[in-house]
Amino acid sequence: MTEIHPGQRVAVLVDSQNLYHSAQSVYSRNIDYSSMLEKAVQDRTLTRAIAYVIRADSPEEESFFEALRDIGFETKIKDIKTFGDGSKKADWDLGMSLDAVSLADHVDTVVLCSGDGDFARLCSHLRHEGVRIEVMSFGSSTATELVEAADAFVDMGEREDTFLL
């Protein structure tokens, strides 16, 4: 398995909804995306940084999307869907997984910023392909199977001063 080394090519994929809800429900704070990206890259070569976000028609979201781009993230935006019964749904699981698999031949490491256990199978697949998988999320809201499927896990909750605003 690939170890961390200078010049290593890294892709950082951020499940913004997952991290937002964890940060809000546990800490009532927001994510410091700049610090998160810096820690994820760790003096390696950043190939792609993608933040997957949901447009929910809230007044401050466009400035949030712009701030992500200013930090260095490419933003992929999906509109929230409202169903006839009033329920709402929007997630990027499939899109993130497809991007990770597509990037696998171009990077040494994928840093997956999410606590969603649905990504455990993706991690196993990428590791089988020789890609190092690092997961960054809040330990208290991260699926055990995701942590176990990764090569490394950074518990953002252990460093609130670094990862939260």
N, C-alpha and C. Protein backbone atom coordinates (compact mmCIF):
# COMPACT_ATOMS: atom_id res chain seq x y z
N MET A 1 0.84 -1.18 0.00
CA MET A 1 0.00 0.00 0.00
C MET A 1 0.88 1.24 0.00
N THR A 2 0.44 2.25 -0.66
CA THR A 2 1.18 3.50 -0.78
C THR A 2 1.25 4.19 0.58
N GLU A 3 2.45 4.60 0.95
CA GLU A 3 2.64 5.39 2.17
C GLU A 3 2.68 6.87 1.79
N ILE A 4 2.59 7.74 2.78
CA ILE A 4 2.66 9.17 2.52
C ILE A 4 4.10 9.53 2.16
N HIS A 5 4.27 10.28 1.06
CA HIS A 5 5.59 10.74 0.65
C HIS A 5 5.45 12.04 -0.14
N PRO A 6 6.49 12.87 -0.15
CA PRO A 6 6.43 14.12 -0.92
C PRO A 6 6.21 13.79 -2.40
N GLY A 7 5.44 14.61 -3.06
CA GLY A 7 5.16 14.38 -4.47
C GLY A 7 3.99 13.45 -4.72
N GLN A 8 3.48 12.86 -3.66
CA GLN A 8 2.34 11.96 -3.80
C GLN A 8 1.15 12.75 -4.33
N ARG A 9 0.45 12.18 -5.29
CA ARG A 9 -0.72 12.83 -5.90
C ARG A 9 -1.96 12.52 -5.07
N VAL A 10 -2.69 13.57 -4.69
CA VAL A 10 -3.83 13.44 -3.79
C VAL A 10 -5.08 14.06 -4.40
N ALA A 11 -6.19 13.36 -4.24
CA ALA A 11 -7.51 13.92 -4.55
C ALA A 11 -8.28 14.00 -3.24
N VAL A 12 -8.93 15.14 -3.01
CA VAL A 12 -9.71 15.35 -1.79
C VAL A 12 -11.17 15.49 -2.21
N LEU A 13 -12.00 14.57 -1.73
CA LEU A 13 -13.43 14.56 -2.06
C LEU A 13 -14.22 14.81 -0.79
N VAL A 14 -15.02 15.89 -0.77
CA VAL A 14 -15.70 16.32 0.44
C VAL A 14 -17.22 16.19 0.30
N ASP A 15 -17.79 15.38 1.17
CA ASP A 15 -19.24 15.23 1.29
C ASP A 15 -19.73 16.35 2.22
N SER A 16 -19.96 17.52 1.64
CA SER A 16 -20.26 18.71 2.45
C SER A 16 -21.49 18.56 3.33
N GLN A 17 -22.54 17.93 2.82
CA GLN A 17 -23.76 17.76 3.61
C GLN A 17 -23.48 16.91 4.85
N ASN A 18 -22.77 15.82 4.66
CA ASN A 18 -22.46 14.93 5.77
C ASN A 18 -21.68 15.67 6.86
N LEU A 19 -20.62 16.38 6.45
CA LEU A 19 -19.80 17.09 7.43
C LEU A 19 -20.57 18.23 8.08
N TYR A 20 -21.36 18.95 7.30
CA TYR A 20 -22.15 20.07 7.84
C TYR A 20 -23.09 19.59 8.94
N HIS A 21 -23.82 18.52 8.67
CA HIS A 21 -24.78 18.03 9.65
C HIS A 21 -24.08 17.51 10.91
N SER A 22 -22.94 16.87 10.74
CA SER A 22 -22.18 16.40 11.91
C SER A 22 -21.68 17.58 12.73
N ALA A 23 -21.10 18.57 12.07
CA ALA A 23 -20.55 19.73 12.79
C ALA A 23 -21.66 20.50 13.50
N GLN A 24 -22.80 20.62 12.86
CA GLN A 24 -23.91 21.36 13.46
C GLN A 24 -24.55 20.60 14.61
N SER A 25 -24.81 19.31 14.42
CA SER A 25 -25.53 18.56 15.45
C SER A 25 -24.67 18.29 16.67
N VAL A 26 -23.38 18.07 16.49
CA VAL A 26 -22.52 17.74 17.62
C VAL A 26 -21.89 18.97 18.24
N TYR A 27 -21.47 19.94 17.41
CA TYR A 27 -20.69 21.08 17.91
C TYR A 27 -21.37 22.43 17.74
N SER A 28 -22.45 22.49 16.97
CA SER A 28 -23.11 23.75 16.64
C SER A 28 -22.14 24.75 16.03
N ARG A 29 -21.24 24.24 15.19
CA ARG A 29 -20.22 25.07 14.55
C ARG A 29 -20.11 24.69 13.08
N ASN A 30 -19.36 25.49 12.33
CA ASN A 30 -19.14 25.24 10.91
C ASN A 30 -17.74 24.68 10.68
N ILE A 31 -17.54 24.10 9.52
CA ILE A 31 -16.27 23.50 9.13
C ILE A 31 -15.31 24.59 8.65
N ASP A 32 -14.06 24.46 9.01
CA ASP A 32 -13.00 25.30 8.46
C ASP A 32 -12.43 24.54 7.25
N TYR A 33 -12.99 24.81 6.08
CA TYR A 33 -12.62 24.08 4.87
C TYR A 33 -11.18 24.32 4.46
N SER A 34 -10.66 25.49 4.71
CA SER A 34 -9.28 25.80 4.38
C SER A 34 -8.32 24.92 5.18
N SER A 35 -8.54 24.83 6.48
CA SER A 35 -7.70 23.97 7.33
C SER A 35 -7.87 22.50 6.98
N MET A 36 -9.09 22.11 6.66
CA MET A 36 -9.34 20.72 6.30
C MET A 36 -8.57 20.35 5.03
N LEU A 37 -8.59 21.23 4.04
CA LEU A 37 -7.88 20.95 2.79
C LEU A 37 -6.37 20.90 3.05
N GLU A 38 -5.86 21.83 3.84
CA GLU A 38 -4.43 21.84 4.14
C GLU A 38 -4.00 20.55 4.84
N LYS A 39 -4.77 20.10 5.81
CA LYS A 39 -4.44 18.86 6.53
C LYS A 39 -4.57 17.65 5.61
N ALA A 40 -5.56 17.66 4.74
CA ALA A 40 -5.77 16.53 3.82
C ALA A 40 -4.59 16.39 2.85
N VAL A 41 -4.06 17.49 2.38
CA VAL A 41 -2.98 17.45 1.39
C VAL A 41 -1.63 17.13 2.04
N GLN A 42 -1.35 17.72 3.20
CA GLN A 42 -0.12 17.43 3.95
C GLN A 42 1.15 17.51 3.12
N ASP A 43 1.40 18.61 2.47
CA ASP A 43 2.64 18.81 1.69
C ASP A 43 2.78 17.85 0.52
N ARG A 44 1.69 17.24 0.10
CA ARG A 44 1.72 16.39 -1.09
C ARG A 44 1.21 17.21 -2.27
N THR A 45 1.11 16.60 -3.42
CA THR A 45 0.65 17.31 -4.62
C THR A 45 -0.85 17.14 -4.79
N LEU A 46 -1.57 18.24 -4.70
CA LEU A 46 -3.02 18.20 -4.86
C LEU A 46 -3.37 18.08 -6.34
N THR A 47 -4.06 17.00 -6.68
CA THR A 47 -4.50 16.78 -8.05
C THR A 47 -5.89 17.37 -8.26
N ARG A 48 -6.81 17.06 -7.36
CA ARG A 48 -8.18 17.60 -7.42
C ARG A 48 -8.71 17.76 -6.01
N ALA A 49 -9.45 18.80 -5.79
CA ALA A 49 -10.20 18.99 -4.55
C ALA A 49 -11.63 19.31 -4.97
N ILE A 50 -12.54 18.43 -4.61
CA ILE A 50 -13.93 18.60 -5.03
C ILE A 50 -14.83 18.60 -3.81
N ALA A 51 -15.66 19.64 -3.70
CA ALA A 51 -16.66 19.71 -2.64
C ALA A 51 -18.02 19.47 -3.29
N TYR A 52 -18.71 18.47 -2.79
CA TYR A 52 -20.03 18.10 -3.29
C TYR A 52 -21.06 18.77 -2.40
N VAL A 53 -21.84 19.68 -2.98
CA VAL A 53 -22.77 20.50 -2.19
C VAL A 53 -24.19 20.40 -2.72
N ILE A 54 -25.11 20.78 -1.87
CA ILE A 54 -26.54 20.74 -2.21
C ILE A 54 -27.06 22.17 -2.23
N ARG A 55 -27.79 22.50 -3.29
CA ARG A 55 -28.45 23.82 -3.36
C ARG A 55 -29.84 23.66 -2.77
N ALA A 56 -30.08 24.37 -1.67
CA ALA A 56 -31.36 24.27 -0.98
C ALA A 56 -32.09 25.61 -0.93
N ASP A 57 -31.65 26.55 -1.76
CA ASP A 57 -32.24 27.89 -1.83
C ASP A 57 -32.18 28.65 -0.51
N SER A 58 -31.08 28.52 0.20
CA SER A 58 -30.91 29.35 1.40
C SER A 58 -30.10 30.58 0.99
N PRO A 59 -30.32 31.70 1.66
CA PRO A 59 -29.73 32.96 1.21
C PRO A 59 -28.20 32.99 1.19
N GLU A 60 -27.55 32.28 2.11
CA GLU A 60 -26.09 32.37 2.21
C GLU A 60 -25.35 31.30 1.41
N GLU A 61 -26.06 30.41 0.74
CA GLU A 61 -25.36 29.30 0.10
C GLU A 61 -24.47 29.70 -1.07
N GLU A 62 -24.85 30.69 -1.85
CA GLU A 62 -24.01 31.09 -2.98
C GLU A 62 -22.68 31.65 -2.50
N SER A 63 -22.69 32.41 -1.40
CA SER A 63 -21.42 32.92 -0.87
C SER A 63 -20.58 31.77 -0.30
N PHE A 64 -21.23 30.73 0.24
CA PHE A 64 -20.53 29.55 0.71
C PHE A 64 -19.87 28.82 -0.46
N PHE A 65 -20.60 28.64 -1.56
CA PHE A 65 -20.05 27.98 -2.74
C PHE A 65 -18.86 28.77 -3.28
N GLU A 66 -18.98 30.08 -3.31
CA GLU A 66 -17.89 30.94 -3.78
C GLU A 66 -16.68 30.83 -2.86
N ALA A 67 -16.91 30.79 -1.56
CA ALA A 67 -15.80 30.66 -0.60
C ALA A 67 -15.07 29.34 -0.81
N LEU A 68 -15.80 28.26 -1.07
CA LEU A 68 -15.17 26.97 -1.35
C LEU A 68 -14.26 27.07 -2.58
N ARG A 69 -14.75 27.73 -3.61
CA ARG A 69 -13.94 27.90 -4.83
C ARG A 69 -12.70 28.74 -4.55
N ASP A 70 -12.85 29.78 -3.74
CA ASP A 70 -11.70 30.64 -3.39
C ASP A 70 -10.64 29.86 -2.62
N ILE A 71 -11.05 28.91 -1.81
CA ILE A 71 -10.12 28.08 -1.04
C ILE A 71 -9.35 27.13 -1.96
N GLY A 72 -9.98 26.74 -3.07
CA GLY A 72 -9.32 25.83 -4.01
C GLY A 72 -10.14 24.61 -4.37
N PHE A 73 -11.39 24.57 -3.92
CA PHE A 73 -12.26 23.45 -4.25
C PHE A 73 -13.00 23.70 -5.56
N GLU A 74 -13.12 22.66 -6.33
CA GLU A 74 -14.07 22.62 -7.44
C GLU A 74 -15.39 22.27 -6.77
N THR A 75 -16.47 22.95 -7.10
CA THR A 75 -17.76 22.62 -6.48
C THR A 75 -18.64 21.88 -7.49
N LYS A 76 -19.25 20.82 -7.01
CA LYS A 76 -20.26 20.12 -7.77
C LYS A 76 -21.56 20.32 -6.99
N ILE A 77 -22.54 20.89 -7.67
CA ILE A 77 -23.77 21.32 -7.01
C ILE A 77 -24.95 20.52 -7.52
N LYS A 78 -25.75 20.03 -6.58
CA LYS A 78 -26.96 19.30 -6.92
C LYS A 78 -28.13 20.02 -6.22
N ASP A 79 -29.23 20.18 -6.95
CA ASP A 79 -30.42 20.79 -6.35
C ASP A 79 -31.13 19.77 -5.47
N ILE A 80 -31.66 20.25 -4.35
CA ILE A 80 -32.43 19.39 -3.47
C ILE A 80 -33.76 19.07 -4.16
N LYS A 81 -34.22 17.83 -4.00
CA LYS A 81 -35.49 17.42 -4.60
C LYS A 81 -36.55 17.33 -3.52
N THR A 82 -37.69 17.92 -3.80
CA THR A 82 -38.82 17.85 -2.88
C THR A 82 -39.89 16.97 -3.53
N PHE A 83 -40.32 15.97 -2.77
CA PHE A 83 -41.31 15.02 -3.28
C PHE A 83 -42.72 15.44 -2.89
N GLY A 84 -43.71 14.82 -3.51
CA GLY A 84 -45.11 15.16 -3.29
C GLY A 84 -45.53 15.10 -1.83
N ASP A 85 -44.95 14.21 -1.06
CA ASP A 85 -45.31 14.09 0.36
C ASP A 85 -44.58 15.10 1.23
N GLY A 86 -43.78 15.98 0.60
CA GLY A 86 -43.05 17.01 1.35
C GLY A 86 -41.65 16.60 1.76
N SER A 87 -41.32 15.33 1.61
CA SER A 87 -39.97 14.88 1.97
C SER A 87 -38.96 15.43 0.96
N LYS A 88 -37.72 15.55 1.43
CA LYS A 88 -36.66 16.09 0.59
C LYS A 88 -35.49 15.12 0.56
N LYS A 89 -34.80 15.13 -0.59
CA LYS A 89 -33.65 14.24 -0.72
C LYS A 89 -32.64 14.86 -1.67
N ALA A 90 -31.39 14.69 -1.30
CA ALA A 90 -30.28 15.07 -2.17
C ALA A 90 -29.03 14.46 -1.58
N ASP A 91 -28.35 13.66 -2.33
CA ASP A 91 -27.07 13.16 -1.86
C ASP A 91 -26.16 12.94 -3.06
N TRP A 92 -24.87 12.88 -2.75
CA TRP A 92 -23.86 12.78 -3.78
C TRP A 92 -23.13 11.45 -3.75
N ASP A 93 -23.64 10.46 -3.03
CA ASP A 93 -22.91 9.20 -2.87
C ASP A 93 -22.46 8.60 -4.19
N LEU A 94 -23.36 8.47 -5.12
CA LEU A 94 -23.02 7.85 -6.41
C LEU A 94 -22.04 8.73 -7.19
N GLY A 95 -22.29 10.03 -7.23
CA GLY A 95 -21.40 10.94 -7.94
C GLY A 95 -19.99 10.95 -7.37
N MET A 96 -19.89 10.97 -6.05
CA MET A 96 -18.58 10.93 -5.40
C MET A 96 -17.86 9.62 -5.70
N SER A 97 -18.60 8.53 -5.65
CA SER A 97 -18.00 7.22 -5.91
C SER A 97 -17.49 7.12 -7.35
N LEU A 98 -18.28 7.59 -8.29
CA LEU A 98 -17.85 7.55 -9.69
C LEU A 98 -16.62 8.42 -9.91
N ASP A 99 -16.59 9.60 -9.30
CA ASP A 99 -15.42 10.46 -9.43
C ASP A 99 -14.19 9.80 -8.82
N ALA A 100 -14.35 9.18 -7.66
CA ALA A 100 -13.21 8.51 -7.00
C ALA A 100 -12.65 7.39 -7.87
N VAL A 101 -13.53 6.60 -8.44
CA VAL A 101 -13.08 5.50 -9.31
C VAL A 101 -12.41 6.06 -10.56
N SER A 102 -12.96 7.14 -11.12
CA SER A 102 -12.36 7.76 -12.31
C SER A 102 -10.99 8.36 -12.00
N LEU A 103 -10.81 8.88 -10.81
CA LEU A 103 -9.54 9.50 -10.43
C LEU A 103 -8.47 8.49 -10.01
N ALA A 104 -8.87 7.27 -9.74
CA ALA A 104 -7.97 6.27 -9.17
C ALA A 104 -6.69 6.07 -9.98
N ASP A 105 -6.76 6.14 -11.29
CA ASP A 105 -5.57 5.96 -12.12
C ASP A 105 -4.66 7.18 -12.16
N HIS A 106 -5.13 8.29 -11.58
CA HIS A 106 -4.39 9.56 -11.67
C HIS A 106 -3.85 10.04 -10.33
N VAL A 107 -4.13 9.31 -9.26
CA VAL A 107 -3.70 9.72 -7.92
C VAL A 107 -3.12 8.53 -7.17
N ASP A 108 -2.37 8.85 -6.12
CA ASP A 108 -1.86 7.83 -5.22
C ASP A 108 -2.77 7.67 -4.00
N THR A 109 -3.43 8.78 -3.64
CA THR A 109 -4.26 8.79 -2.43
C THR A 109 -5.57 9.52 -2.70
N VAL A 110 -6.66 8.99 -2.17
CA VAL A 110 -7.93 9.69 -2.13
C VAL A 110 -8.23 9.97 -0.66
N VAL A 111 -8.46 11.25 -0.36
CA VAL A 111 -8.89 11.64 0.98
C VAL A 111 -10.38 11.86 0.89
N LEU A 112 -11.12 11.01 1.56
CA LEU A 112 -12.58 11.06 1.56
C LEU A 112 -13.03 11.74 2.84
N CYS A 113 -13.64 12.90 2.71
CA CYS A 113 -14.10 13.66 3.87
C CYS A 113 -15.59 13.42 4.04
N SER A 114 -15.91 12.39 4.80
CA SER A 114 -17.28 11.97 5.04
C SER A 114 -17.27 10.91 6.13
N GLY A 115 -18.36 10.79 6.83
CA GLY A 115 -18.50 9.73 7.82
C GLY A 115 -19.50 8.67 7.38
N ASP A 116 -19.96 8.76 6.15
CA ASP A 116 -21.02 7.91 5.62
C ASP A 116 -20.50 6.48 5.35
N GLY A 117 -21.07 5.52 6.05
CA GLY A 117 -20.67 4.12 5.90
C GLY A 117 -20.92 3.56 4.51
N ASP A 118 -21.75 4.22 3.71
CA ASP A 118 -21.99 3.76 2.34
C ASP A 118 -20.71 3.78 1.51
N PHE A 119 -19.70 4.54 1.95
CA PHE A 119 -18.45 4.63 1.20
C PHE A 119 -17.45 3.53 1.56
N ALA A 120 -17.78 2.66 2.50
CA ALA A 120 -16.85 1.60 2.90
C ALA A 120 -16.50 0.69 1.72
N ARG A 121 -17.46 0.32 0.95
CA ARG A 121 -17.21 -0.55 -0.22
C ARG A 121 -16.33 0.16 -1.24
N LEU A 122 -16.56 1.45 -1.45
CA LEU A 122 -15.71 2.24 -2.35
C LEU A 122 -14.26 2.21 -1.86
N CYS A 123 -14.05 2.39 -0.57
CA CYS A 123 -12.70 2.36 0.00
C CYS A 123 -12.03 1.02 -0.27
N SER A 124 -12.75 -0.05 -0.04
CA SER A 124 -12.19 -1.39 -0.28
C SER A 124 -11.81 -1.57 -1.74
N HIS A 125 -12.65 -1.09 -2.64
CA HIS A 125 -12.36 -1.20 -4.07
C HIS A 125 -11.11 -0.41 -4.44
N LEU A 126 -11.02 0.83 -3.97
CA LEU A 126 -9.88 1.68 -4.31
C LEU A 126 -8.58 1.12 -3.73
N ARG A 127 -8.64 0.60 -2.53
CA ARG A 127 -7.44 -0.01 -1.92
C ARG A 127 -6.99 -1.22 -2.75
N HIS A 128 -7.94 -1.99 -3.22
CA HIS A 128 -7.62 -3.13 -4.08
C HIS A 128 -6.92 -2.67 -5.35
N GLU A 129 -7.26 -1.48 -5.82
CA GLU A 129 -6.65 -0.92 -7.02
C GLU A 129 -5.30 -0.25 -6.72
N GLY A 130 -4.86 -0.28 -5.45
CA GLY A 130 -3.57 0.29 -5.08
C GLY A 130 -3.59 1.74 -4.66
N VAL A 131 -4.78 2.28 -4.45
CA VAL A 131 -4.92 3.66 -4.02
C VAL A 131 -5.02 3.71 -2.50
N ARG A 132 -4.24 4.60 -1.88
CA ARG A 132 -4.32 4.81 -0.44
C ARG A 132 -5.60 5.59 -0.14
N ILE A 133 -6.32 5.17 0.89
CA ILE A 133 -7.57 5.83 1.26
C ILE A 133 -7.43 6.41 2.67
N GLU A 134 -7.66 7.71 2.76
CA GLU A 134 -7.67 8.39 4.05
C GLU A 134 -9.06 8.96 4.24
N VAL A 135 -9.62 8.78 5.42
CA VAL A 135 -10.93 9.32 5.74
C VAL A 135 -10.76 10.41 6.79
N MET A 136 -11.42 11.54 6.57
CA MET A 136 -11.45 12.63 7.54
C MET A 136 -12.91 12.93 7.84
N SER A 137 -13.26 12.86 9.12
CA SER A 137 -14.62 13.18 9.54
C SER A 137 -14.65 13.23 11.06
N PHE A 138 -15.83 13.40 11.61
CA PHE A 138 -16.00 13.47 13.05
C PHE A 138 -16.27 12.07 13.58
N GLY A 139 -15.38 11.58 14.42
CA GLY A 139 -15.45 10.20 14.90
C GLY A 139 -16.79 9.83 15.50
N SER A 140 -17.41 10.76 16.21
CA SER A 140 -18.68 10.45 16.88
C SER A 140 -19.82 10.20 15.90
N SER A 141 -19.64 10.62 14.65
CA SER A 141 -20.70 10.41 13.65
C SER A 141 -20.16 9.72 12.40
N THR A 142 -19.12 8.92 12.57
CA THR A 142 -18.54 8.20 11.45
C THR A 142 -18.81 6.71 11.60
N ALA A 143 -19.24 6.09 10.53
CA ALA A 143 -19.54 4.66 10.53
C ALA A 143 -18.26 3.86 10.76
N THR A 144 -18.34 2.89 11.66
CA THR A 144 -17.20 2.04 11.99
C THR A 144 -16.66 1.34 10.75
N GLU A 145 -17.55 0.87 9.88
CA GLU A 145 -17.11 0.15 8.69
C GLU A 145 -16.30 1.05 7.74
N LEU A 146 -16.57 2.35 7.76
CA LEU A 146 -15.80 3.27 6.93
C LEU A 146 -14.38 3.43 7.49
N VAL A 147 -14.27 3.60 8.79
CA VAL A 147 -12.95 3.72 9.43
C VAL A 147 -12.13 2.46 9.17
N GLU A 148 -12.76 1.31 9.31
CA GLU A 148 -12.06 0.03 9.11
C GLU A 148 -11.64 -0.19 7.67
N ALA A 149 -12.35 0.39 6.72
CA ALA A 149 -12.04 0.19 5.30
C ALA A 149 -10.93 1.13 4.81
N ALA A 150 -10.56 2.12 5.60
CA ALA A 150 -9.56 3.11 5.20
C ALA A 150 -8.16 2.72 5.67
N ASP A 151 -7.15 3.28 5.01
CA ASP A 151 -5.77 3.11 5.45
C ASP A 151 -5.47 4.00 6.65
N ALA A 152 -6.13 5.15 6.71
CA ALA A 152 -5.90 6.10 7.81
C ALA A 152 -7.20 6.85 8.08
N PHE A 153 -7.38 7.24 9.34
CA PHE A 153 -8.57 7.99 9.74
C PHE A 153 -8.14 9.18 10.58
N VAL A 154 -8.62 10.36 10.20
CA VAL A 154 -8.40 11.58 10.98
C VAL A 154 -9.73 11.95 11.60
N ASP A 155 -9.78 11.92 12.93
CA ASP A 155 -10.99 12.31 13.66
C ASP A 155 -10.95 13.82 13.85
N MET A 156 -11.72 14.53 13.05
CA MET A 156 -11.75 15.97 13.11
C MET A 156 -12.26 16.48 14.46
N GLY A 157 -13.03 15.65 15.16
CA GLY A 157 -13.54 16.03 16.47
C GLY A 157 -12.47 16.11 17.54
N GLU A 158 -11.34 15.44 17.30
CA GLU A 158 -10.24 15.50 18.26
C GLU A 158 -9.42 16.78 18.12
N ARG A 159 -9.69 17.52 17.05
CA ARG A 159 -8.96 18.78 16.81
C ARG A 159 -9.94 19.87 16.41
N GLU A 160 -10.89 20.14 17.31
CA GLU A 160 -11.92 21.15 17.03
C GLU A 160 -11.32 22.49 16.66
N ASP A 161 -10.23 22.88 17.34
CA ASP A 161 -9.60 24.17 17.09
C ASP A 161 -9.06 24.28 15.67
N THR A 162 -8.73 23.16 15.05
CA THR A 162 -8.19 23.15 13.69
C THR A 162 -9.30 23.10 12.66
N PHE A 163 -10.31 22.27 12.89
CA PHE A 163 -11.28 21.96 11.84
C PHE A 163 -12.63 22.66 11.96
N LEU A 164 -12.85 23.39 13.04
CA LEU A 164 -14.14 24.06 13.22
C LEU A 164 -13.95 25.57 13.38
N LEU A 165 -14.91 26.31 12.86
CA LEU A 165 -14.90 27.78 13.00
C LEU A 165 -15.74 28.17 14.20
